[in-house]
Amino acid sequence: MWIAQAYRTCALAAFALAAALVVPSARAGDGCAGPWPVAETSRVFLDVSRNDREVPARLFHPGIAAGAGGQPVAGCAFPIVAFGHGFTIPETRYRWLALALAAQGFVVALPATETGLSPSHGALAGDLAFLPRALVRDPAFASVAGTPHAIGGHSMGGGAALLAVASAPRAGALFALAPAETNPSAIAAAASIRAPALLVTGSRDCVTPTAQHAGPMFAALATPPAHRLLFDIAGGSHCQFSDGWFTCTLGESACGGAASIPAADQHAQVLAELLPMLVERLRVDALFLDDFGN
């Protein structure tokens, strides 16, 4: 299993320092080591393969300086992470995750699509699969975005992430936070996924209970056992995987779910598992491609 296991015995208060120490240079010796200032911008990409579908996305990336509109750092191979939002939750409610990943050398793309009351899970999955390809073709990011990439998501976006990886087998890693079953079925799609996978759940999640959602997905994965992990956060809730949103809170209240730990603790536990997994799997792409036959 990936080096995240070493983190479980560490105090959460020491996480930020530990993460900074384990993240290697994107290209050793050329000044590409983090942590980085994080720049944030918004773009609209056009997917010509899907009838010129417009895919607006919020982007977070290592920059020359922090803040909106910052420029990417040229000459460094930063892997891409595409992350899908939960049902009706704006992509902005995942800034905590995007900021943490971008500071450690990842280009993070959050699609702002399928946010209404009747979303298409398949369309969101298509957007997640498309954004890494769009970024490497974009003049502003082509020189900095490395491959392979990771695809992740929360709730509906977590299920869509499984659909996306099933359709884009060159993804270097999959991660899903409290993933929800989708239409088409993420559980069925899991059977065709061999990428390293991290599924994170909360023990107090009544919106997507593990037994009906993440559990069957994890069991169906074709990923070798040594390269997959289902990690449950004691006291974690469904909505605390985001920065919160009223529709999520309403749904959680209706089924009686409530976190017994602070959101900051839940976020820190996610990062303690996720960051080392992404570092290991996205930085050593040649070994990954050999192992998994992509």
C-alpha atoms as a PDB file:
ATOM      1  CA  MET A   1       0.000   0.000   0.000  1.00  0.00           C
ATOM      2  CA  TRP A   2       1.107   3.541  -0.659  1.00  0.00           C
ATOM      3  CA  ILE A   3       3.117   5.587   1.769  1.00  0.00           C
ATOM      4  CA  ALA A   4      -0.023   7.158   3.248  1.00  0.00           C
ATOM      5  CA  GLN A   5       0.011   4.385   5.844  1.00  0.00           C
ATOM      6  CA  ALA A   6       2.934   6.050   7.528  1.00  0.00           C
ATOM      7  CA  TYR A   7       0.823   9.107   8.175  1.00  0.00           C
ATOM      8  CA  ARG A   8      -1.830   7.373  10.205  1.00  0.00           C
ATOM      9  CA  THR A   9       0.383   7.215  13.269  1.00  0.00           C
ATOM     10  CA  CYS A  10       1.224  10.935  13.134  1.00  0.00           C
ATOM     11  CA  ALA A  11      -0.654  13.695  14.910  1.00  0.00           C
ATOM     12  CA  LEU A  12      -2.932  15.618  12.549  1.00  0.00           C
ATOM     13  CA  ALA A  13      -1.405  18.864  13.764  1.00  0.00           C
ATOM     14  CA  ALA A  14       1.894  17.840  12.163  1.00  0.00           C
ATOM     15  CA  PHE A  15       0.326  17.092   8.775  1.00  0.00           C
ATOM     16  CA  ALA A  16       1.240  20.286   6.944  1.00  0.00           C
ATOM     17  CA  LEU A  17       4.924  19.942   7.793  1.00  0.00           C
ATOM     18  CA  ALA A  18       4.982  16.260   6.962  1.00  0.00           C
ATOM     19  CA  ALA A  19       3.309  16.796   3.584  1.00  0.00           C
ATOM     20  CA  ALA A  20       5.819  19.473   2.647  1.00  0.00           C
ATOM     21  CA  LEU A  21       8.675  17.156   3.484  1.00  0.00           C
ATOM     22  CA  VAL A  22       7.483  14.134   1.516  1.00  0.00           C
ATOM     23  CA  VAL A  23       6.504  15.889  -1.716  1.00  0.00           C
ATOM     24  CA  PRO A  24       9.449  15.572  -4.087  1.00  0.00           C
ATOM     25  CA  SER A  25      10.556  17.986  -6.772  1.00  0.00           C
ATOM     26  CA  ALA A  26       8.495  17.656  -9.937  1.00  0.00           C
ATOM     27  CA  ARG A  27      11.837  17.383 -11.728  1.00  0.00           C
ATOM     28  CA  ALA A  28      14.616  16.876  -9.238  1.00  0.00           C
ATOM     29  CA  GLY A  29      17.291  19.538  -9.179  1.00  0.00           C
ATOM     30  CA  ASP A  30      15.639  22.198 -11.293  1.00  0.00           C
ATOM     31  CA  GLY A  31      13.963  24.285  -8.596  1.00  0.00           C
ATOM     32  CA  CYS A  32      10.504  22.781  -8.999  1.00  0.00           C
ATOM     33  CA  ALA A  33       9.992  21.677  -5.407  1.00  0.00           C
ATOM     34  CA  GLY A  34       7.044  23.015  -3.392  1.00  0.00           C
ATOM     35  CA  PRO A  35       5.236  24.200  -1.464  1.00  0.00           C
ATOM     36  CA  TRP A  36       3.999  26.773  -3.975  1.00  0.00           C
ATOM     37  CA  PRO A  37       1.936  29.945  -3.947  1.00  0.00           C
ATOM     38  CA  VAL A  38      -1.468  29.000  -5.338  1.00  0.00           C
ATOM     39  CA  ALA A  39      -2.966  30.892  -8.265  1.00  0.00           C
ATOM     40  CA  GLU A  40      -6.654  30.618  -9.111  1.00  0.00           C
ATOM     41  CA  THR A  41      -8.466  31.329 -12.345  1.00  0.00           C
ATOM     42  CA  SER A  42     -11.558  30.325 -14.318  1.00  0.00           C
ATOM     43  CA  ARG A  43     -11.644  29.052 -17.889  1.00  0.00           C
ATOM     44  CA  VAL A  44     -14.184  27.689 -20.345  1.00  0.00           C
ATOM     45  CA  PHE A  45     -12.997  24.767 -22.446  1.00  0.00           C
ATOM     46  CA  LEU A  46     -14.672  23.433 -25.583  1.00  0.00           C
ATOM     47  CA  ASP A  47     -15.038  19.692 -26.073  1.00  0.00           C
ATOM     48  CA  VAL A  48     -15.410  19.271 -29.816  1.00  0.00           C
ATOM     49  CA  SER A  49     -15.846  15.504 -29.420  1.00  0.00           C
ATOM     50  CA  ARG A  50     -19.153  16.127 -27.602  1.00  0.00           C
ATOM     51  CA  ASN A  51     -20.899  18.540 -29.955  1.00  0.00           C
ATOM     52  CA  ASP A  52     -18.799  21.511 -28.864  1.00  0.00           C
ATOM     53  CA  ARG A  53     -19.841  21.135 -25.231  1.00  0.00           C
ATOM     54  CA  GLU A  54     -18.672  24.066 -23.123  1.00  0.00           C
ATOM     55  CA  VAL A  55     -16.960  23.005 -19.908  1.00  0.00           C
ATOM     56  CA  PRO A  56     -16.387  25.911 -17.499  1.00  0.00           C
ATOM     57  CA  ALA A  57     -13.871  25.089 -14.799  1.00  0.00           C
ATOM     58  CA  ARG A  58     -12.157  26.717 -11.862  1.00  0.00           C
ATOM     59  CA  LEU A  59      -8.413  26.078 -11.905  1.00  0.00           C
ATOM     60  CA  PHE A  60      -5.933  26.098  -9.026  1.00  0.00           C
ATOM     61  CA  HIS A  61      -2.252  25.713  -9.799  1.00  0.00           C
ATOM     62  CA  PRO A  62       1.261  26.439  -8.563  1.00  0.00           C
ATOM     63  CA  GLY A  63       1.943  30.032  -9.517  1.00  0.00           C
ATOM     64  CA  ILE A  64       4.553  32.746  -9.500  1.00  0.00           C
ATOM     65  CA  ALA A  65       2.407  34.456  -6.866  1.00  0.00           C
ATOM     66  CA  ALA A  66      -0.773  33.626  -4.993  1.00  0.00           C
ATOM     67  CA  GLY A  67      -4.159  35.016  -5.936  1.00  0.00           C
ATOM     68  CA  ALA A  68      -6.618  35.257  -8.779  1.00  0.00           C
ATOM     69  CA  GLY A  69      -5.261  35.361 -12.305  1.00  0.00           C
ATOM     70  CA  GLY A  70      -1.779  34.198 -11.354  1.00  0.00           C
ATOM     71  CA  GLN A  71       0.447  32.674 -14.011  1.00  0.00           C
ATOM     72  CA  PRO A  72       1.513  29.019 -14.078  1.00  0.00           C
ATOM     73  CA  VAL A  73       5.132  28.190 -13.334  1.00  0.00           C
ATOM     74  CA  ALA A  74       6.856  27.297 -16.599  1.00  0.00           C
ATOM     75  CA  GLY A  75       9.245  24.393 -16.947  1.00  0.00           C
ATOM     76  CA  CYS A  76       7.903  22.188 -14.143  1.00  0.00           C
ATOM     77  CA  ALA A  77       5.910  19.006 -14.764  1.00  0.00           C
ATOM     78  CA  PHE A  78       2.894  19.391 -12.503  1.00  0.00           C
ATOM     79  CA  PRO A  79       0.380  16.515 -12.698  1.00  0.00           C
ATOM     80  CA  ILE A  80      -3.309  17.270 -13.179  1.00  0.00           C
ATOM     81  CA  VAL A  81      -6.165  16.439 -10.808  1.00  0.00           C
ATOM     82  CA  ALA A  82      -9.778  16.775 -12.013  1.00  0.00           C
ATOM     83  CA  PHE A  83     -12.365  16.774  -9.219  1.00  0.00           C
ATOM     84  CA  GLY A  84     -16.155  16.571  -9.458  1.00  0.00           C
ATOM     85  CA  HIS A  85     -18.605  18.268  -7.079  1.00  0.00           C
ATOM     86  CA  GLY A  86     -21.539  16.767  -5.210  1.00  0.00           C
ATOM     87  CA  PHE A  87     -25.222  17.192  -6.088  1.00  0.00           C
ATOM     88  CA  THR A  88     -26.012  20.940  -6.475  1.00  0.00           C
ATOM     89  CA  ILE A  89     -22.831  21.838  -4.549  1.00  0.00           C
ATOM     90  CA  PRO A  90     -20.835  24.611  -6.279  1.00  0.00           C
ATOM     91  CA  GLU A  91     -17.272  23.754  -7.194  1.00  0.00           C
ATOM     92  CA  THR A  92     -16.159  26.656  -5.005  1.00  0.00           C
ATOM     93  CA  ARG A  93     -17.033  24.598  -1.911  1.00  0.00           C
ATOM     94  CA  TYR A  94     -13.962  22.431  -2.547  1.00  0.00           C
ATOM     95  CA  ARG A  95     -11.378  25.206  -2.341  1.00  0.00           C
ATOM     96  CA  TRP A  96      -9.931  23.596   0.795  1.00  0.00           C
ATOM     97  CA  LEU A  97      -8.927  20.557  -1.256  1.00  0.00           C
ATOM     98  CA  ALA A  98      -7.840  22.440  -4.373  1.00  0.00           C
ATOM     99  CA  LEU A  99      -5.647  24.848  -2.409  1.00  0.00           C
ATOM    100  CA  ALA A 100      -3.944  22.037  -0.518  1.00  0.00           C
ATOM    101  CA  LEU A 101      -3.194  20.029  -3.663  1.00  0.00           C
ATOM    102  CA  ALA A 102      -2.050  22.992  -5.750  1.00  0.00           C
ATOM    103  CA  ALA A 103       0.343  24.112  -3.019  1.00  0.00           C
ATOM    104  CA  GLN A 104       2.023  20.715  -3.248  1.00  0.00           C
ATOM    105  CA  GLY A 105       2.522  20.798  -7.018  1.00  0.00           C
ATOM    106  CA  PHE A 106      -0.725  19.743  -8.722  1.00  0.00           C
ATOM    107  CA  VAL A 107      -2.887  21.551 -11.282  1.00  0.00           C
ATOM    108  CA  VAL A 108      -6.448  21.128 -10.005  1.00  0.00           C
ATOM    109  CA  ALA A 109      -9.482  21.486 -12.284  1.00  0.00           C
ATOM    110  CA  LEU A 110     -12.988  21.748 -10.801  1.00  0.00           C
ATOM    111  CA  PRO A 111     -15.714  21.563 -13.471  1.00  0.00           C
ATOM    112  CA  ALA A 112     -18.631  23.942 -12.893  1.00  0.00           C
ATOM    113  CA  THR A 113     -21.086  21.799 -14.836  1.00  0.00           C
ATOM    114  CA  GLU A 114     -24.175  19.730 -13.971  1.00  0.00           C
ATOM    115  CA  THR A 115     -24.965  21.839 -10.909  1.00  0.00           C
ATOM    116  CA  GLY A 116     -28.754  21.867 -11.313  1.00  0.00           C
ATOM    117  CA  LEU A 117     -31.509  19.713  -9.862  1.00  0.00           C
ATOM    118  CA  SER A 118     -31.458  17.246 -12.778  1.00  0.00           C
ATOM    119  CA  PRO A 119     -27.769  16.636 -13.444  1.00  0.00           C
ATOM    120  CA  SER A 120     -26.421  14.150 -15.943  1.00  0.00           C
ATOM    121  CA  HIS A 121     -23.956  11.890 -14.187  1.00  0.00           C
ATOM    122  CA  GLY A 122     -22.609  10.720 -17.505  1.00  0.00           C
ATOM    123  CA  ALA A 123     -22.018  14.278 -18.694  1.00  0.00           C
ATOM    124  CA  LEU A 124     -20.148  15.164 -15.496  1.00  0.00           C
ATOM    125  CA  ALA A 125     -18.031  12.048 -15.926  1.00  0.00           C
ATOM    126  CA  GLY A 126     -17.278  13.131 -19.482  1.00  0.00           C
ATOM    127  CA  ASP A 127     -16.202  16.552 -18.221  1.00  0.00           C
ATOM    128  CA  LEU A 128     -13.855  14.967 -15.660  1.00  0.00           C
ATOM    129  CA  ALA A 129     -12.276  12.778 -18.325  1.00  0.00           C
ATOM    130  CA  PHE A 130     -12.021  15.717 -20.737  1.00  0.00           C
ATOM    131  CA  LEU A 131     -10.411  18.383 -18.546  1.00  0.00           C
ATOM    132  CA  PRO A 132      -6.949  16.771 -18.217  1.00  0.00           C
ATOM    133  CA  ARG A 133      -6.784  16.435 -22.007  1.00  0.00           C
ATOM    134  CA  ALA A 134      -7.915  20.024 -22.459  1.00  0.00           C
ATOM    135  CA  LEU A 135      -5.311  21.363 -20.054  1.00  0.00           C
ATOM    136  CA  VAL A 136      -2.339  19.697 -21.714  1.00  0.00           C
ATOM    137  CA  ARG A 137      -3.459  21.189 -25.041  1.00  0.00           C
ATOM    138  CA  ASP A 138      -3.958  24.660 -23.617  1.00  0.00           C
ATOM    139  CA  PRO A 139      -1.040  27.041 -24.346  1.00  0.00           C
ATOM    140  CA  ALA A 140      -1.107  28.406 -20.790  1.00  0.00           C
ATOM    141  CA  PHE A 141      -0.727  24.964 -19.221  1.00  0.00           C
ATOM    142  CA  ALA A 142       0.896  22.702 -21.803  1.00  0.00           C
ATOM    143  CA  SER A 143       4.386  23.420 -20.490  1.00  0.00           C
ATOM    144  CA  VAL A 144       3.552  22.665 -16.873  1.00  0.00           C
ATOM    145  CA  ALA A 145       0.941  19.921 -16.835  1.00  0.00           C
ATOM    146  CA  GLY A 146       2.391  16.437 -16.524  1.00  0.00           C
ATOM    147  CA  THR A 147       0.844  13.044 -17.005  1.00  0.00           C
ATOM    148  CA  PRO A 148      -0.561  10.728 -15.789  1.00  0.00           C
ATOM    149  CA  HIS A 149      -3.430  12.483 -14.085  1.00  0.00           C
ATOM    150  CA  ALA A 150      -5.891  11.695 -11.310  1.00  0.00           C
ATOM    151  CA  ILE A 151      -9.669  11.937 -11.286  1.00  0.00           C
ATOM    152  CA  GLY A 152     -11.665  12.350  -8.090  1.00  0.00           C
ATOM    153  CA  GLY A 153     -14.911  13.670  -6.718  1.00  0.00           C
ATOM    154  CA  HIS A 154     -17.355  13.926  -3.834  1.00  0.00           C
ATOM    155  CA  SER A 155     -20.749  12.246  -3.585  1.00  0.00           C
ATOM    156  CA  MET A 156     -22.299  12.465  -7.076  1.00  0.00           C
ATOM    157  CA  GLY A 157     -18.914  13.654  -8.304  1.00  0.00           C
ATOM    158  CA  GLY A 158     -17.273  10.654  -6.669  1.00  0.00           C
ATOM    159  CA  GLY A 159     -19.517   8.273  -8.566  1.00  0.00           C
ATOM    160  CA  ALA A 160     -18.894  10.286 -11.727  1.00  0.00           C
ATOM    161  CA  ALA A 161     -15.157   9.945 -11.088  1.00  0.00           C
ATOM    162  CA  LEU A 162     -15.509   6.160 -11.284  1.00  0.00           C
ATOM    163  CA  LEU A 163     -17.438   6.507 -14.545  1.00  0.00           C
ATOM    164  CA  ALA A 164     -14.724   8.824 -15.889  1.00  0.00           C
ATOM    165  CA  VAL A 165     -11.826   6.539 -14.985  1.00  0.00           C
ATOM    166  CA  ALA A 166     -13.645   3.569 -16.485  1.00  0.00           C
ATOM    167  CA  SER A 167     -13.875   5.510 -19.742  1.00  0.00           C
ATOM    168  CA  ALA A 168     -10.338   6.951 -19.519  1.00  0.00           C
ATOM    169  CA  PRO A 169      -8.082   4.063 -18.476  1.00  0.00           C
ATOM    170  CA  ARG A 170      -4.887   6.135 -18.675  1.00  0.00           C
ATOM    171  CA  ALA A 171      -5.837   7.952 -15.471  1.00  0.00           C
ATOM    172  CA  GLY A 172      -3.021   7.471 -12.993  1.00  0.00           C
ATOM    173  CA  ALA A 173      -5.215   7.365  -9.907  1.00  0.00           C
ATOM    174  CA  LEU A 174      -8.817   7.476  -8.730  1.00  0.00           C
ATOM    175  CA  PHE A 175     -10.118   8.932  -5.488  1.00  0.00           C
ATOM    176  CA  ALA A 176     -13.673   9.383  -4.281  1.00  0.00           C
ATOM    177  CA  LEU A 177     -14.988  11.028  -1.126  1.00  0.00           C
ATOM    178  CA  ALA A 178     -18.291   9.508   0.049  1.00  0.00           C
ATOM    179  CA  PRO A 179     -19.067   8.446  -3.538  1.00  0.00           C
ATOM    180  CA  ALA A 180     -22.698   8.029  -4.561  1.00  0.00           C
ATOM    181  CA  GLU A 181     -24.102   5.443  -6.917  1.00  0.00           C
ATOM    182  CA  THR A 182     -24.899   7.017 -10.276  1.00  0.00           C
ATOM    183  CA  ASN A 183     -26.833   6.459 -13.478  1.00  0.00           C
ATOM    184  CA  PRO A 184     -25.143   4.837 -15.336  1.00  0.00           C
ATOM    185  CA  SER A 185     -23.904   2.724 -12.452  1.00  0.00           C
ATOM    186  CA  ALA A 186     -20.585   3.577 -10.839  1.00  0.00           C
ATOM    187  CA  ILE A 187     -20.681   0.186  -9.117  1.00  0.00           C
ATOM    188  CA  ALA A 188     -20.855  -1.570 -12.477  1.00  0.00           C
ATOM    189  CA  ALA A 189     -18.144   0.691 -13.911  1.00  0.00           C
ATOM    190  CA  ALA A 190     -15.790  -0.179 -11.052  1.00  0.00           C
ATOM    191  CA  ALA A 191     -15.339  -3.655 -12.463  1.00  0.00           C
ATOM    192  CA  SER A 192     -13.344  -2.217 -15.383  1.00  0.00           C
ATOM    193  CA  ILE A 193     -11.091   0.030 -13.264  1.00  0.00           C
ATOM    194  CA  ARG A 194      -7.529  -1.072 -12.558  1.00  0.00           C
ATOM    195  CA  ALA A 195      -6.062   2.275 -11.533  1.00  0.00           C
ATOM    196  CA  PRO A 196      -4.856   2.764  -7.948  1.00  0.00           C
ATOM    197  CA  ALA A 197      -7.917   3.809  -5.974  1.00  0.00           C
ATOM    198  CA  LEU A 198      -8.672   5.554  -2.686  1.00  0.00           C
ATOM    199  CA  LEU A 199     -12.250   5.681  -1.427  1.00  0.00           C
ATOM    200  CA  VAL A 200     -12.867   7.724   1.727  1.00  0.00           C
ATOM    201  CA  THR A 201     -16.064   7.560   3.753  1.00  0.00           C
ATOM    202  CA  GLY A 202     -17.420   9.066   6.962  1.00  0.00           C
ATOM    203  CA  SER A 203     -18.756   6.852   9.712  1.00  0.00           C
ATOM    204  CA  ARG A 204     -21.690   9.227  10.300  1.00  0.00           C
ATOM    205  CA  ASP A 205     -22.648   9.574   6.630  1.00  0.00           C
ATOM    206  CA  CYS A 206     -26.359   8.838   6.233  1.00  0.00           C
ATOM    207  CA  VAL A 207     -26.600  10.342   2.728  1.00  0.00           C
ATOM    208  CA  THR A 208     -24.429   7.752   0.960  1.00  0.00           C
ATOM    209  CA  PRO A 209     -24.010   4.949   3.509  1.00  0.00           C
ATOM    210  CA  THR A 210     -20.916   2.881   2.834  1.00  0.00           C
ATOM    211  CA  ALA A 211     -22.834  -0.381   2.660  1.00  0.00           C
ATOM    212  CA  GLN A 212     -24.926   0.847  -0.285  1.00  0.00           C
ATOM    213  CA  HIS A 213     -22.405   3.022  -2.107  1.00  0.00           C
ATOM    214  CA  ALA A 214     -18.622   3.041  -1.506  1.00  0.00           C
ATOM    215  CA  GLY A 215     -18.577  -0.539  -0.208  1.00  0.00           C
ATOM    216  CA  PRO A 216     -19.969  -2.162  -3.371  1.00  0.00           C
ATOM    217  CA  MET A 217     -17.823   0.129  -5.537  1.00  0.00           C
ATOM    218  CA  PHE A 218     -14.695  -0.878  -3.663  1.00  0.00           C
ATOM    219  CA  ALA A 219     -15.582  -4.571  -3.805  1.00  0.00           C
ATOM    220  CA  ALA A 220     -16.165  -4.369  -7.567  1.00  0.00           C
ATOM    221  CA  LEU A 221     -12.861  -2.658  -8.413  1.00  0.00           C
ATOM    222  CA  ALA A 222     -10.441  -4.610 -10.599  1.00  0.00           C
ATOM    223  CA  THR A 223      -7.564  -2.696  -8.991  1.00  0.00           C
ATOM    224  CA  PRO A 224      -5.083  -5.117  -7.384  1.00  0.00           C
ATOM    225  CA  PRO A 225      -5.661  -5.282  -3.603  1.00  0.00           C
ATOM    226  CA  ALA A 226      -2.278  -3.742  -2.808  1.00  0.00           C
ATOM    227  CA  HIS A 227      -3.221  -0.607  -4.746  1.00  0.00           C
ATOM    228  CA  ARG A 228      -6.662   0.172  -3.356  1.00  0.00           C
ATOM    229  CA  LEU A 229      -7.880   1.428   0.001  1.00  0.00           C
ATOM    230  CA  LEU A 230     -11.277   2.076   1.585  1.00  0.00           C
ATOM    231  CA  PHE A 231     -10.670   4.451   4.488  1.00  0.00           C
ATOM    232  CA  ASP A 232     -13.431   5.396   6.940  1.00  0.00           C
ATOM    233  CA  ILE A 233     -13.138   8.587   8.979  1.00  0.00           C
ATOM    234  CA  ALA A 234     -14.536   8.020  12.476  1.00  0.00           C
ATOM    235  CA  GLY A 235     -17.072  10.753  13.185  1.00  0.00           C
ATOM    236  CA  GLY A 236     -16.949  12.140   9.655  1.00  0.00           C
ATOM    237  CA  SER A 237     -20.112  13.212   7.843  1.00  0.00           C
ATOM    238  CA  HIS A 238     -21.156  13.398   4.217  1.00  0.00           C
ATOM    239  CA  CYS A 239     -21.323  17.168   3.868  1.00  0.00           C
ATOM    240  CA  GLN A 240     -18.028  17.872   5.636  1.00  0.00           C
ATOM    241  CA  PHE A 241     -16.131  16.523   2.631  1.00  0.00           C
ATOM    242  CA  SER A 242     -17.049  19.895   1.129  1.00  0.00           C
ATOM    243  CA  ASP A 243     -17.058  23.303   2.776  1.00  0.00           C
ATOM    244  CA  GLY A 244     -20.785  22.773   3.277  1.00  0.00           C
ATOM    245  CA  TRP A 245     -23.833  23.739   1.219  1.00  0.00           C
ATOM    246  CA  PHE A 246     -27.448  24.205   2.216  1.00  0.00           C
ATOM    247  CA  THR A 247     -28.929  21.457   0.026  1.00  0.00           C
ATOM    248  CA  CYS A 248     -26.418  18.951   1.339  1.00  0.00           C
ATOM    249  CA  THR A 249     -27.095  20.054   4.912  1.00  0.00           C
ATOM    250  CA  LEU A 250     -30.852  19.710   4.390  1.00  0.00           C
ATOM    251  CA  GLY A 251     -30.470  16.195   3.062  1.00  0.00           C
ATOM    252  CA  GLU A 252     -28.156  15.217   5.866  1.00  0.00           C
ATOM    253  CA  SER A 253     -30.498  16.660   8.484  1.00  0.00           C
ATOM    254  CA  ALA A 254     -33.414  14.733   7.010  1.00  0.00           C
ATOM    255  CA  CYS A 255     -31.671  11.394   7.488  1.00  0.00           C
ATOM    256  CA  GLY A 256     -30.210  12.233  10.889  1.00  0.00           C
ATOM    257  CA  GLY A 257     -26.539  12.517   9.995  1.00  0.00           C
ATOM    258  CA  ALA A 258     -24.213  14.810  11.903  1.00  0.00           C
ATOM    259  CA  ALA A 259     -20.450  14.902  12.208  1.00  0.00           C
ATOM    260  CA  SER A 260     -18.874  14.396  15.617  1.00  0.00           C
ATOM    261  CA  ILE A 261     -15.528  15.869  14.552  1.00  0.00           C
ATOM    262  CA  PRO A 262     -14.681  19.352  13.204  1.00  0.00           C
ATOM    263  CA  ALA A 263     -14.583  19.832   9.445  1.00  0.00           C
ATOM    264  CA  ALA A 264     -10.897  20.768   9.669  1.00  0.00           C
ATOM    265  CA  ASP A 265     -10.109  17.363  11.193  1.00  0.00           C
ATOM    266  CA  GLN A 266     -12.061  15.562   8.472  1.00  0.00           C
ATOM    267  CA  HIS A 267     -10.232  17.521   5.773  1.00  0.00           C
ATOM    268  CA  ALA A 268      -6.865  16.806   7.374  1.00  0.00           C
ATOM    269  CA  GLN A 269      -7.559  13.069   7.449  1.00  0.00           C
ATOM    270  CA  VAL A 270      -8.511  13.144   3.763  1.00  0.00           C
ATOM    271  CA  LEU A 271      -5.269  14.908   2.869  1.00  0.00           C
ATOM    272  CA  ALA A 272      -3.181  12.591   5.046  1.00  0.00           C
ATOM    273  CA  GLU A 273      -4.348   9.670   2.890  1.00  0.00           C
ATOM    274  CA  LEU A 274      -4.685  11.417  -0.450  1.00  0.00           C
ATOM    275  CA  LEU A 275      -1.538  13.509  -0.843  1.00  0.00           C
ATOM    276  CA  PRO A 276       0.982  10.677  -0.414  1.00  0.00           C
ATOM    277  CA  MET A 277      -1.067   8.467  -2.749  1.00  0.00           C
ATOM    278  CA  LEU A 278      -1.069  11.139  -5.470  1.00  0.00           C
ATOM    279  CA  VAL A 279       2.637  11.858  -5.000  1.00  0.00           C
ATOM    280  CA  GLU A 280       3.513   8.200  -5.338  1.00  0.00           C
ATOM    281  CA  ARG A 281       1.206   7.409  -8.245  1.00  0.00           C
ATOM    282  CA  LEU A 282       1.463  10.559 -10.343  1.00  0.00           C
ATOM    283  CA  ARG A 283       5.186  11.210  -9.964  1.00  0.00           C
ATOM    284  CA  VAL A 284       6.315   7.674 -10.951  1.00  0.00           C
ATOM    285  CA  ASP A 285       4.359   7.391 -14.167  1.00  0.00           C
ATOM    286  CA  ALA A 286       6.717   5.042 -15.999  1.00  0.00           C
ATOM    287  CA  LEU A 287       6.438   2.431 -13.255  1.00  0.00           C
ATOM    288  CA  PHE A 288       2.677   2.857 -13.115  1.00  0.00           C
ATOM    289  CA  LEU A 289       2.221   2.386 -16.828  1.00  0.00           C
ATOM    290  CA  ASP A 290       4.326  -0.776 -16.748  1.00  0.00           C
ATOM    291  CA  ASP A 291       2.408  -2.191 -13.773  1.00  0.00           C
ATOM    292  CA  PHE A 292      -1.060  -1.556 -15.099  1.00  0.00           C
ATOM    293  CA  GLY A 293      -0.561  -2.007 -18.819  1.00  0.00           C
ATOM    294  CA  ASN A 294      -1.966   1.329 -19.989  1.00  0.00           C
END
